[in-house]
PDB file of all heavy atoms in Angstrom:
ATOM      1  N   ASP A   1     -35.104-197.158  63.732  1.00  0.00           N
ATOM      2  CA  ASP A   1     -35.725-196.463  64.867  1.00  0.00           C
ATOM      3  C   ASP A   1     -34.668-195.731  65.704  1.00  0.00           C
ATOM      4  O   ASP A   1     -34.296-196.156  66.797  1.00  0.00           O
ATOM      5  CB  ASP A   1     -36.504-197.495  65.708  1.00  0.00           C
ATOM      6  CG  ASP A   1     -37.453-196.830  66.705  1.00  0.00           C
ATOM      7  OD1 ASP A   1     -37.328-195.583  66.937  1.00  0.00           O
ATOM      8  OD2 ASP A   1     -38.362-197.526  67.239  1.00  0.00           O
ATOM      9  N   GLU A   2     -34.255-194.575  65.214  1.00  0.00           N
ATOM     10  CA  GLU A   2     -33.201-193.819  65.872  1.00  0.00           C
ATOM     11  C   GLU A   2     -33.581-193.365  67.277  1.00  0.00           C
ATOM     12  O   GLU A   2     -32.748-193.426  68.202  1.00  0.00           O
ATOM     13  CB  GLU A   2     -32.825-192.612  65.000  1.00  0.00           C
ATOM     14  CG  GLU A   2     -32.202-192.958  63.639  1.00  0.00           C
ATOM     15  CD  GLU A   2     -30.724-193.382  63.825  1.00  0.00           C
ATOM     16  OE1 GLU A   2     -30.218-193.320  64.917  1.00  0.00           O
ATOM     17  OE2 GLU A   2     -30.125-193.801  62.776  1.00  0.00           O
ATOM     18  N   PRO A   3     -34.824-192.848  67.511  1.00  0.00           N
ATOM     19  CA  PRO A   3     -35.203-192.420  68.853  1.00  0.00           C
ATOM     20  C   PRO A   3     -35.084-193.599  69.875  1.00  0.00           C
ATOM     21  O   PRO A   3     -34.630-193.403  71.016  1.00  0.00           O
ATOM     22  CB  PRO A   3     -36.639-191.936  68.709  1.00  0.00           C
ATOM     23  CG  PRO A   3     -36.725-191.542  67.268  1.00  0.00           C
ATOM     24  CD  PRO A   3     -35.882-192.546  66.513  1.00  0.00           C
ATOM     25  N   TYR A   4     -35.502-194.801  69.467  1.00  0.00           N
ATOM     26  CA  TYR A   4     -35.419-195.954  70.363  1.00  0.00           C
ATOM     27  C   TYR A   4     -33.995-196.291  70.688  1.00  0.00           C
ATOM     28  O   TYR A   4     -33.638-196.545  71.860  1.00  0.00           O
ATOM     29  CB  TYR A   4     -36.114-197.163  69.672  1.00  0.00           C
ATOM     30  CG  TYR A   4     -35.943-198.465  70.462  1.00  0.00           C
ATOM     31  CD1 TYR A   4     -36.499-198.605  71.728  1.00  0.00           C
ATOM     32  CD2 TYR A   4     -35.228-199.512  69.896  1.00  0.00           C
ATOM     33  CE1 TYR A   4     -36.315-199.802  72.440  1.00  0.00           C
ATOM     34  CE2 TYR A   4     -35.054-200.730  70.597  1.00  0.00           C
ATOM     35  CZ  TYR A   4     -35.593-200.842  71.862  1.00  0.00           C
ATOM     36  OH  TYR A   4     -35.412-202.000  72.549  1.00  0.00           O
ATOM     37  N   LEU A   5     -33.123-196.290  69.701  1.00  0.00           N
ATOM     38  CA  LEU A   5     -31.708-196.587  69.923  1.00  0.00           C
ATOM     39  C   LEU A   5     -31.059-195.626  70.900  1.00  0.00           C
ATOM     40  O   LEU A   5     -30.284-195.959  71.768  1.00  0.00           O
ATOM     41  CB  LEU A   5     -30.948-196.647  68.591  1.00  0.00           C
ATOM     42  CG  LEU A   5     -31.362-197.762  67.647  1.00  0.00           C
ATOM     43  CD1 LEU A   5     -30.628-197.582  66.291  1.00  0.00           C
ATOM     44  CD2 LEU A   5     -31.080-199.130  68.178  1.00  0.00           C
ATOM     45  N   ALA A   6     -31.375-194.324  70.709  1.00  0.00           N
ATOM     46  CA  ALA A   6     -30.835-193.272  71.562  1.00  0.00           C
ATOM     47  C   ALA A   6     -31.363-193.496  73.020  1.00  0.00           C
ATOM     48  O   ALA A   6     -30.600-193.337  73.995  1.00  0.00           O
ATOM     49  CB  ALA A   6     -31.249-191.888  71.052  1.00  0.00           C
ATOM     50  N   LYS A   7     -32.598-193.872  73.147  1.00  0.00           N
ATOM     51  CA  LYS A   7     -33.205-194.106  74.504  1.00  0.00           C
ATOM     52  C   LYS A   7     -32.517-195.297  75.163  1.00  0.00           C
ATOM     53  O   LYS A   7     -32.274-195.260  76.399  1.00  0.00           O
ATOM     54  CB  LYS A   7     -34.692-194.302  74.377  1.00  0.00           C
ATOM     55  CG  LYS A   7     -35.404-194.470  75.754  1.00  0.00           C
ATOM     56  CD  LYS A   7     -36.880-194.600  75.580  1.00  0.00           C
ATOM     57  CE  LYS A   7     -37.585-194.557  76.925  1.00  0.00           C
ATOM     58  NZ  LYS A   7     -37.125-195.597  77.872  1.00  0.00           N
ATOM     59  N   VAL A   8     -32.284-196.357  74.386  1.00  0.00           N
ATOM     60  CA  VAL A   8     -31.601-197.538  74.989  1.00  0.00           C
ATOM     61  C   VAL A   8     -30.274-197.187  75.570  1.00  0.00           C
ATOM     62  O   VAL A   8     -29.950-197.548  76.701  1.00  0.00           O
ATOM     63  CB  VAL A   8     -31.457-198.647  73.918  1.00  0.00           C
ATOM     64  CG1 VAL A   8     -30.518-199.769  74.443  1.00  0.00           C
ATOM     65  CG2 VAL A   8     -32.800-199.268  73.557  1.00  0.00           C
ATOM     66  N   LEU A   9     -29.464-196.409  74.816  1.00  0.00           N
ATOM     67  CA  LEU A   9     -28.148-195.994  75.315  1.00  0.00           C
ATOM     68  C   LEU A   9     -28.215-195.044  76.479  1.00  0.00           C
ATOM     69  O   LEU A   9     -27.478-195.140  77.447  1.00  0.00           O
ATOM     70  CB  LEU A   9     -27.303-195.412  74.198  1.00  0.00           C
ATOM     71  CG  LEU A   9     -26.810-196.375  73.099  1.00  0.00           C
ATOM     72  CD1 LEU A   9     -26.006-195.584  72.073  1.00  0.00           C
ATOM     73  CD2 LEU A   9     -25.965-197.482  73.667  1.00  0.00           C
ATOM     74  N   LYS A  10     -29.165-194.127  76.398  1.00  0.00           N
ATOM     75  CA  LYS A  10     -29.330-193.132  77.499  1.00  0.00           C
ATOM     76  C   LYS A  10     -29.717-193.859  78.792  1.00  0.00           C
ATOM     77  O   LYS A  10     -29.121-193.661  79.847  1.00  0.00           O
ATOM     78  CB  LYS A  10     -30.374-192.109  77.113  1.00  0.00           C
ATOM     79  CG  LYS A  10     -30.640-191.052  78.206  1.00  0.00           C
ATOM     80  CD  LYS A  10     -31.643-189.997  77.664  1.00  0.00           C
ATOM     81  CE  LYS A  10     -31.943-188.949  78.718  1.00  0.00           C
ATOM     82  NZ  LYS A  10     -32.648-189.489  79.912  1.00  0.00           N
ATOM     83  N   ASP A  11     -30.739-194.704  78.713  1.00  0.00           N
ATOM     84  CA  ASP A  11     -31.238-195.425  79.898  1.00  0.00           C
ATOM     85  C   ASP A  11     -30.176-196.366  80.417  1.00  0.00           C
ATOM     86  O   ASP A  11     -29.995-196.516  81.634  1.00  0.00           O
ATOM     87  CB  ASP A  11     -32.524-196.202  79.568  1.00  0.00           C
ATOM     88  CG  ASP A  11     -33.704-195.285  79.311  1.00  0.00           C
ATOM     89  OD1 ASP A  11     -33.609-194.049  79.513  1.00  0.00           O
ATOM     90  OD2 ASP A  11     -34.742-195.765  78.830  1.00  0.00           O
ATOM     91  N   GLY A  12     -29.489-197.020  79.501  1.00  0.00           N
ATOM     92  CA  GLY A  12     -28.443-198.001  79.895  1.00  0.00           C
ATOM     93  C   GLY A  12     -27.321-197.322  80.598  1.00  0.00           C
ATOM     94  O   GLY A  12     -26.796-197.815  81.608  1.00  0.00           O
ATOM     95  N   THR A  13     -26.929-196.126  80.137  1.00  0.00           N
ATOM     96  CA  THR A  13     -25.837-195.382  80.754  1.00  0.00           C
ATOM     97  C   THR A  13     -26.227-194.916  82.133  1.00  0.00           C
ATOM     98  O   THR A  13     -25.448-194.984  83.108  1.00  0.00           O
ATOM     99  CB  THR A  13     -25.449-194.137  79.907  1.00  0.00           C
ATOM    100  OG1 THR A  13     -25.053-194.598  78.585  1.00  0.00           O
ATOM    101  CG2 THR A  13     -24.323-193.351  80.511  1.00  0.00           C
ATOM    102  N   GLU A  14     -27.480-194.481  82.269  1.00  0.00           N
ATOM    103  CA  GLU A  14     -27.963-194.039  83.618  1.00  0.00           C
ATOM    104  C   GLU A  14     -27.925-195.183  84.632  1.00  0.00           C
ATOM    105  O   GLU A  14     -27.527-194.987  85.777  1.00  0.00           O
ATOM    106  CB  GLU A  14     -29.370-193.450  83.473  1.00  0.00           C
ATOM    107  CG  GLU A  14     -29.395-192.084  82.761  1.00  0.00           C
ATOM    108  CD  GLU A  14     -30.803-191.548  82.589  1.00  0.00           C
ATOM    109  OE1 GLU A  14     -31.771-192.275  82.929  1.00  0.00           O
ATOM    110  OE2 GLU A  14     -30.931-190.437  82.042  1.00  0.00           O
ATOM    111  N   GLN A  15     -28.374-196.362  84.190  1.00  0.00           N
ATOM    112  CA  GLN A  15     -28.358-197.529  85.096  1.00  0.00           C
ATOM    113  C   GLN A  15     -26.897-197.925  85.431  1.00  0.00           C
ATOM    114  O   GLN A  15     -26.606-198.201  86.570  1.00  0.00           O
ATOM    115  CB  GLN A  15     -29.078-198.688  84.449  1.00  0.00           C
ATOM    116  CG  GLN A  15     -30.578-198.492  84.243  1.00  0.00           C
ATOM    117  CD  GLN A  15     -31.176-199.653  83.506  1.00  0.00           C
ATOM    118  OE1 GLN A  15     -31.156-200.825  84.016  1.00  0.00           O
ATOM    119  NE2 GLN A  15     -31.746-199.391  82.358  1.00  0.00           N
ATOM    120  N   ALA A  16     -26.074-197.930  84.414  1.00  0.00           N
ATOM    121  CA  ALA A  16     -24.660-198.328  84.630  1.00  0.00           C
ATOM    122  C   ALA A  16     -23.980-197.283  85.527  1.00  0.00           C
ATOM    123  O   ALA A  16     -23.089-197.631  86.371  1.00  0.00           O
ATOM    124  CB  ALA A  16     -23.937-198.450  83.306  1.00  0.00           C
ATOM    125  N   ARG A  17     -24.308-196.004  85.384  1.00  0.00           N
ATOM    126  CA  ARG A  17     -23.657-194.957  86.196  1.00  0.00           C
ATOM    127  C   ARG A  17     -23.953-195.055  87.662  1.00  0.00           C
ATOM    128  O   ARG A  17     -23.086-194.780  88.476  1.00  0.00           O
ATOM    129  CB  ARG A  17     -24.117-193.571  85.631  1.00  0.00           C
ATOM    130  CG  ARG A  17     -23.565-192.393  86.423  1.00  0.00           C
ATOM    131  CD  ARG A  17     -23.473-191.154  85.555  1.00  0.00           C
ATOM    132  NE  ARG A  17     -22.422-191.308  84.613  1.00  0.00           N
ATOM    133  CZ  ARG A  17     -22.525-190.969  83.309  1.00  0.00           C
ATOM    134  NH1 ARG A  17     -23.669-190.536  82.831  1.00  0.00           N
ATOM    135  NH2 ARG A  17     -21.510-191.094  82.479  1.00  0.00           N
ATOM    136  N   GLU A  18     -25.148-195.525  87.997  1.00  0.00           N
ATOM    137  CA  GLU A  18     -25.464-195.738  89.424  1.00  0.00           C
ATOM    138  C   GLU A  18     -24.459-196.718  90.047  1.00  0.00           C
ATOM    139  O   GLU A  18     -23.924-196.512  91.146  1.00  0.00           O
ATOM    140  CB  GLU A  18     -26.881-196.208  89.578  1.00  0.00           C
ATOM    141  CG  GLU A  18     -27.308-196.388  91.037  1.00  0.00           C
ATOM    142  CD  GLU A  18     -28.749-196.819  91.183  1.00  0.00           C
ATOM    143  OE1 GLU A  18     -29.481-196.892  90.170  1.00  0.00           O
ATOM    144  OE2 GLU A  18     -29.116-197.094  92.326  1.00  0.00           O
ATOM    145  N   SER A  19     -24.251-197.853  89.357  1.00  0.00           N
ATOM    146  CA  SER A  19     -23.283-198.853  89.818  1.00  0.00           C
ATOM    147  C   SER A  19     -21.856-198.304  89.842  1.00  0.00           C
ATOM    148  O   SER A  19     -21.118-198.451  90.812  1.00  0.00           O
ATOM    149  CB  SER A  19     -23.366-200.094  88.921  1.00  0.00           C
ATOM    150  OG  SER A  19     -22.255-200.946  89.142  1.00  0.00           O
ATOM    151  N   ALA A  20     -21.485-197.606  88.802  1.00  0.00           N
ATOM    152  CA  ALA A  20     -20.142-197.080  88.644  1.00  0.00           C
ATOM    153  C   ALA A  20     -19.812-196.032  89.656  1.00  0.00           C
ATOM    154  O   ALA A  20     -18.686-195.993  90.237  1.00  0.00           O
ATOM    155  CB  ALA A  20     -19.932-196.528  87.227  1.00  0.00           C
ATOM    156  N   ARG A  21     -20.759-195.174  89.964  1.00  0.00           N
ATOM    157  CA  ARG A  21     -20.511-194.086  90.972  1.00  0.00           C
ATOM    158  C   ARG A  21     -20.259-194.693  92.345  1.00  0.00           C
ATOM    159  O   ARG A  21     -19.393-194.215  93.115  1.00  0.00           O
ATOM    160  CB  ARG A  21     -21.714-193.161  91.005  1.00  0.00           C
ATOM    161  CG  ARG A  21     -21.687-192.118  89.867  1.00  0.00           C
ATOM    162  CD  ARG A  21     -22.939-191.258  89.920  1.00  0.00           C
ATOM    163  NE  ARG A  21     -22.860-190.155  88.928  1.00  0.00           N
ATOM    164  CZ  ARG A  21     -23.907-189.425  88.571  1.00  0.00           C
ATOM    165  NH1 ARG A  21     -25.078-189.689  89.121  1.00  0.00           N
ATOM    166  NH2 ARG A  21     -23.742-188.491  87.675  1.00  0.00           N
ATOM    167  N   ASN A  22     -20.968-195.748  92.690  1.00  0.00           N
ATOM    168  CA  ASN A  22     -20.783-196.380  93.975  1.00  0.00           C
ATOM    169  C   ASN A  22     -19.385-196.964  94.096  1.00  0.00           C
ATOM    170  O   ASN A  22     -18.737-196.796  95.136  1.00  0.00           O
ATOM    171  CB  ASN A  22     -21.830-197.474  94.199  1.00  0.00           C
ATOM    172  CG  ASN A  22     -23.235-196.943  94.411  1.00  0.00           C
ATOM    173  OD1 ASN A  22     -23.396-195.781  94.848  1.00  0.00           O
ATOM    174  ND2 ASN A  22     -24.235-197.719  94.054  1.00  0.00           N
ATOM    175  N   THR A  23     -18.934-197.634  93.028  1.00  0.00           N
ATOM    176  CA  THR A  23     -17.604-198.186  93.035  1.00  0.00           C
ATOM    177  C   THR A  23     -16.543-197.106  93.133  1.00  0.00           C
ATOM    178  O   THR A  23     -15.581-197.219  93.907  1.00  0.00           O
ATOM    179  CB  THR A  23     -17.352-199.064  91.802  1.00  0.00           C
ATOM    180  OG1 THR A  23     -18.336-200.099  91.742  1.00  0.00           O
ATOM    181  CG2 THR A  23     -15.955-199.669  91.798  1.00  0.00           C
ATOM    182  N   LEU A  24     -16.708-196.079  92.297  1.00  0.00           N
ATOM    183  CA  LEU A  24     -15.697-195.035  92.261  1.00  0.00           C
ATOM    184  C   LEU A  24     -15.622-194.281  93.601  1.00  0.00           C
ATOM    185  O   LEU A  24     -14.557-193.854  94.040  1.00  0.00           O
ATOM    186  CB  LEU A  24     -16.015-194.078  91.107  1.00  0.00           C
ATOM    187  CG  LEU A  24     -14.865-193.171  90.653  1.00  0.00           C
ATOM    188  CD1 LEU A  24     -13.624-193.968  90.306  1.00  0.00           C
ATOM    189  CD2 LEU A  24     -15.298-192.282  89.489  1.00  0.00           C
ATOM    190  N   SER A  25     -16.763-194.115  94.238  1.00  0.00           N
ATOM    191  CA  SER A  25     -16.793-193.487  95.550  1.00  0.00           C
ATOM    192  C   SER A  25     -15.978-194.275  96.580  1.00  0.00           C
ATOM    193  O   SER A  25     -15.148-193.698  97.332  1.00  0.00           O
ATOM    194  CB  SER A  25     -18.220-193.335  96.059  1.00  0.00           C
ATOM    195  OG  SER A  25     -18.295-192.794  97.341  1.00  0.00           O
ATOM    196  N   ASP A  26     -16.135-195.581  96.520  1.00  0.00           N
ATOM    197  CA  ASP A  26     -15.367-196.461  97.428  1.00  0.00           C
ATOM    198  C   ASP A  26     -13.842-196.343  97.118  1.00  0.00           C
ATOM    199  O   ASP A  26     -13.026-196.300  98.049  1.00  0.00           O
ATOM    200  CB  ASP A  26     -15.797-197.933  97.255  1.00  0.00           C
ATOM    201  CG  ASP A  26     -17.192-198.162  97.836  1.00  0.00           C
ATOM    202  OD1 ASP A  26     -17.685-197.333  98.620  1.00  0.00           O
ATOM    203  OD2 ASP A  26     -17.779-199.207  97.480  1.00  0.00           O
ATOM    204  N   VAL A  27     -13.517-196.344  95.818  1.00  0.00           N
ATOM    205  CA  VAL A  27     -12.093-196.267  95.401  1.00  0.00           C
ATOM    206  C   VAL A  27     -11.458-194.933  95.800  1.00  0.00           C
ATOM    207  O   VAL A  27     -10.368-194.883  96.388  1.00  0.00           O
ATOM    208  CB  VAL A  27     -11.987-196.489  93.888  1.00  0.00           C
ATOM    209  CG1 VAL A  27     -10.590-196.124  93.368  1.00  0.00           C
ATOM    210  CG2 VAL A  27     -12.283-197.931  93.528  1.00  0.00           C
ATOM    211  N   ARG A  28     -12.182-193.831  95.529  1.00  0.00           N
ATOM    212  CA  ARG A  28     -11.661-192.533  95.857  1.00  0.00           C
ATOM    213  C   ARG A  28     -11.465-192.365  97.367  1.00  0.00           C
ATOM    214  O   ARG A  28     -10.460-191.813  97.835  1.00  0.00           O
ATOM    215  CB  ARG A  28     -12.545-191.437  95.323  1.00  0.00           C
ATOM    216  CG  ARG A  28     -12.585-191.315  93.820  1.00  0.00           C
ATOM    217  CD  ARG A  28     -13.555-190.253  93.390  1.00  0.00           C
ATOM    218  NE  ARG A  28     -13.121-188.927  93.782  1.00  0.00           N
ATOM    219  CZ  ARG A  28     -12.517-188.019  93.002  1.00  0.00           C
ATOM    220  NH1 ARG A  28     -12.282-188.318  91.725  1.00  0.00           N
ATOM    221  NH2 ARG A  28     -12.160-186.849  93.462  1.00  0.00           N
ATOM    222  N   HIS A  29     -12.426-192.858  98.121  1.00  0.00           N
ATOM    223  CA  HIS A  29     -12.347-192.782  99.579  1.00  0.00           C
ATOM    224  C   HIS A  29     -11.117-193.551 100.127  1.00  0.00           C
ATOM    225  O   HIS A  29     -10.360-193.080 100.954  1.00  0.00           O
ATOM    226  CB  HIS A  29     -13.600-193.301 100.239  1.00  0.00           C
ATOM    227  CG  HIS A  29     -13.579-193.322 101.735  1.00  0.00           C
ATOM    228  ND1 HIS A  29     -13.753-192.165 102.482  1.00  0.00           N
ATOM    229  CD2 HIS A  29     -13.411-194.336 102.630  1.00  0.00           C
ATOM    230  CE1 HIS A  29     -13.671-192.465 103.769  1.00  0.00           C
ATOM    231  NE2 HIS A  29     -13.445-193.752 103.879  1.00  0.00           N
ATOM    232  N   ALA A  30     -10.901-194.750  99.589  1.00  0.00           N
ATOM    233  CA  ALA A  30      -9.778-195.581 100.015  1.00  0.00           C
ATOM    234  C   ALA A  30      -8.461-194.924  99.715  1.00  0.00           C
ATOM    235  O   ALA A  30      -7.503-195.020 100.430  1.00  0.00           O
ATOM    236  CB  ALA A  30      -9.844-196.962  99.360  1.00  0.00           C
ATOM    237  N   MET A  31      -8.420-194.183  98.575  1.00  0.00           N
ATOM    238  CA  MET A  31      -7.161-193.552  98.167  1.00  0.00           C
ATOM    239  C   MET A  31      -6.957-192.174  98.762  1.00  0.00           C
ATOM    240  O   MET A  31      -5.917-191.521  98.506  1.00  0.00           O
ATOM    241  CB  MET A  31      -7.109-193.462  96.625  1.00  0.00           C
ATOM    242  CG  MET A  31      -7.100-194.802  95.929  1.00  0.00           C
ATOM    243  SD  MET A  31      -7.088-194.687  94.119  1.00  0.00           S
ATOM    244  CE  MET A  31      -5.439-194.002  93.870  1.00  0.00           C
ATOM    245  N   GLY A  32      -7.939-191.699  99.495  1.00  0.00           N
ATOM    246  CA  GLY A  32      -7.762-190.390 100.161  1.00  0.00           C
ATOM    247  C   GLY A  32      -8.350-189.230  99.403  1.00  0.00           C
ATOM    248  O   GLY A  32      -8.042-188.078  99.668  1.00  0.00           O
ATOM    249  N   TYR A  33      -9.217-189.506  98.414  1.00  0.00           N
ATOM    250  CA  TYR A  33      -9.840-188.426  97.630  1.00  0.00           C
ATOM    251  C   TYR A  33     -11.325-188.347  97.984  1.00  0.00           C
ATOM    252  O   TYR A  33     -11.974-189.358  98.254  1.00  0.00           O
ATOM    253  CB  TYR A  33      -9.688-188.705  96.105  1.00  0.00           C
ATOM    254  CG  TYR A  33      -8.302-188.625  95.633  1.00  0.00           C
ATOM    255  CD1 TYR A  33      -7.455-189.704  95.582  1.00  0.00           C
ATOM    256  CD2 TYR A  33      -7.812-187.391  95.183  1.00  0.00           C
ATOM    257  CE1 TYR A  33      -6.154-189.620  95.126  1.00  0.00           C
ATOM    258  CE2 TYR A  33      -6.490-187.281  94.705  1.00  0.00           C
ATOM    259  CZ  TYR A  33      -5.696-188.378  94.702  1.00  0.00           C
ATOM    260  OH  TYR A  33      -4.368-188.288  94.265  1.00  0.00           O
ATOM    261  N   ARG A  34     -11.844-187.114  97.921  1.00  0.00           N
ATOM    262  CA  ARG A  34     -13.249-186.931  98.139  1.00  0.00           C
ATOM    263  C   ARG A  34     -14.030-187.504  96.936  1.00  0.00           C
ATOM    264  O   ARG A  34     -13.531-187.485  95.813  1.00  0.00           O
ATOM    265  CB  ARG A  34     -13.609-185.453  98.285  1.00  0.00           C
ATOM    266  CG  ARG A  34     -12.971-184.779  99.529  1.00  0.00           C
ATOM    267  CD  ARG A  34     -13.371-183.299  99.513  1.00  0.00           C
ATOM    268  NE  ARG A  34     -12.772-182.602 100.652  1.00  0.00           N
ATOM    269  CZ  ARG A  34     -12.910-181.311 100.871  1.00  0.00           C
ATOM    270  NH1 ARG A  34     -13.635-180.577 100.042  1.00  0.00           N
ATOM    271  NH2 ARG A  34     -12.376-180.771 101.943  1.00  0.00           N
TER     272      ARG A  34
END
């Protein structure tokens, strides 16, 4: 089921990105980057 596997990775990446962006925003701000 190739479409299902692609959807799992796409959805999983989108969920993980929300968490990752928040962390990276904190890190960049602390280091003086926008």
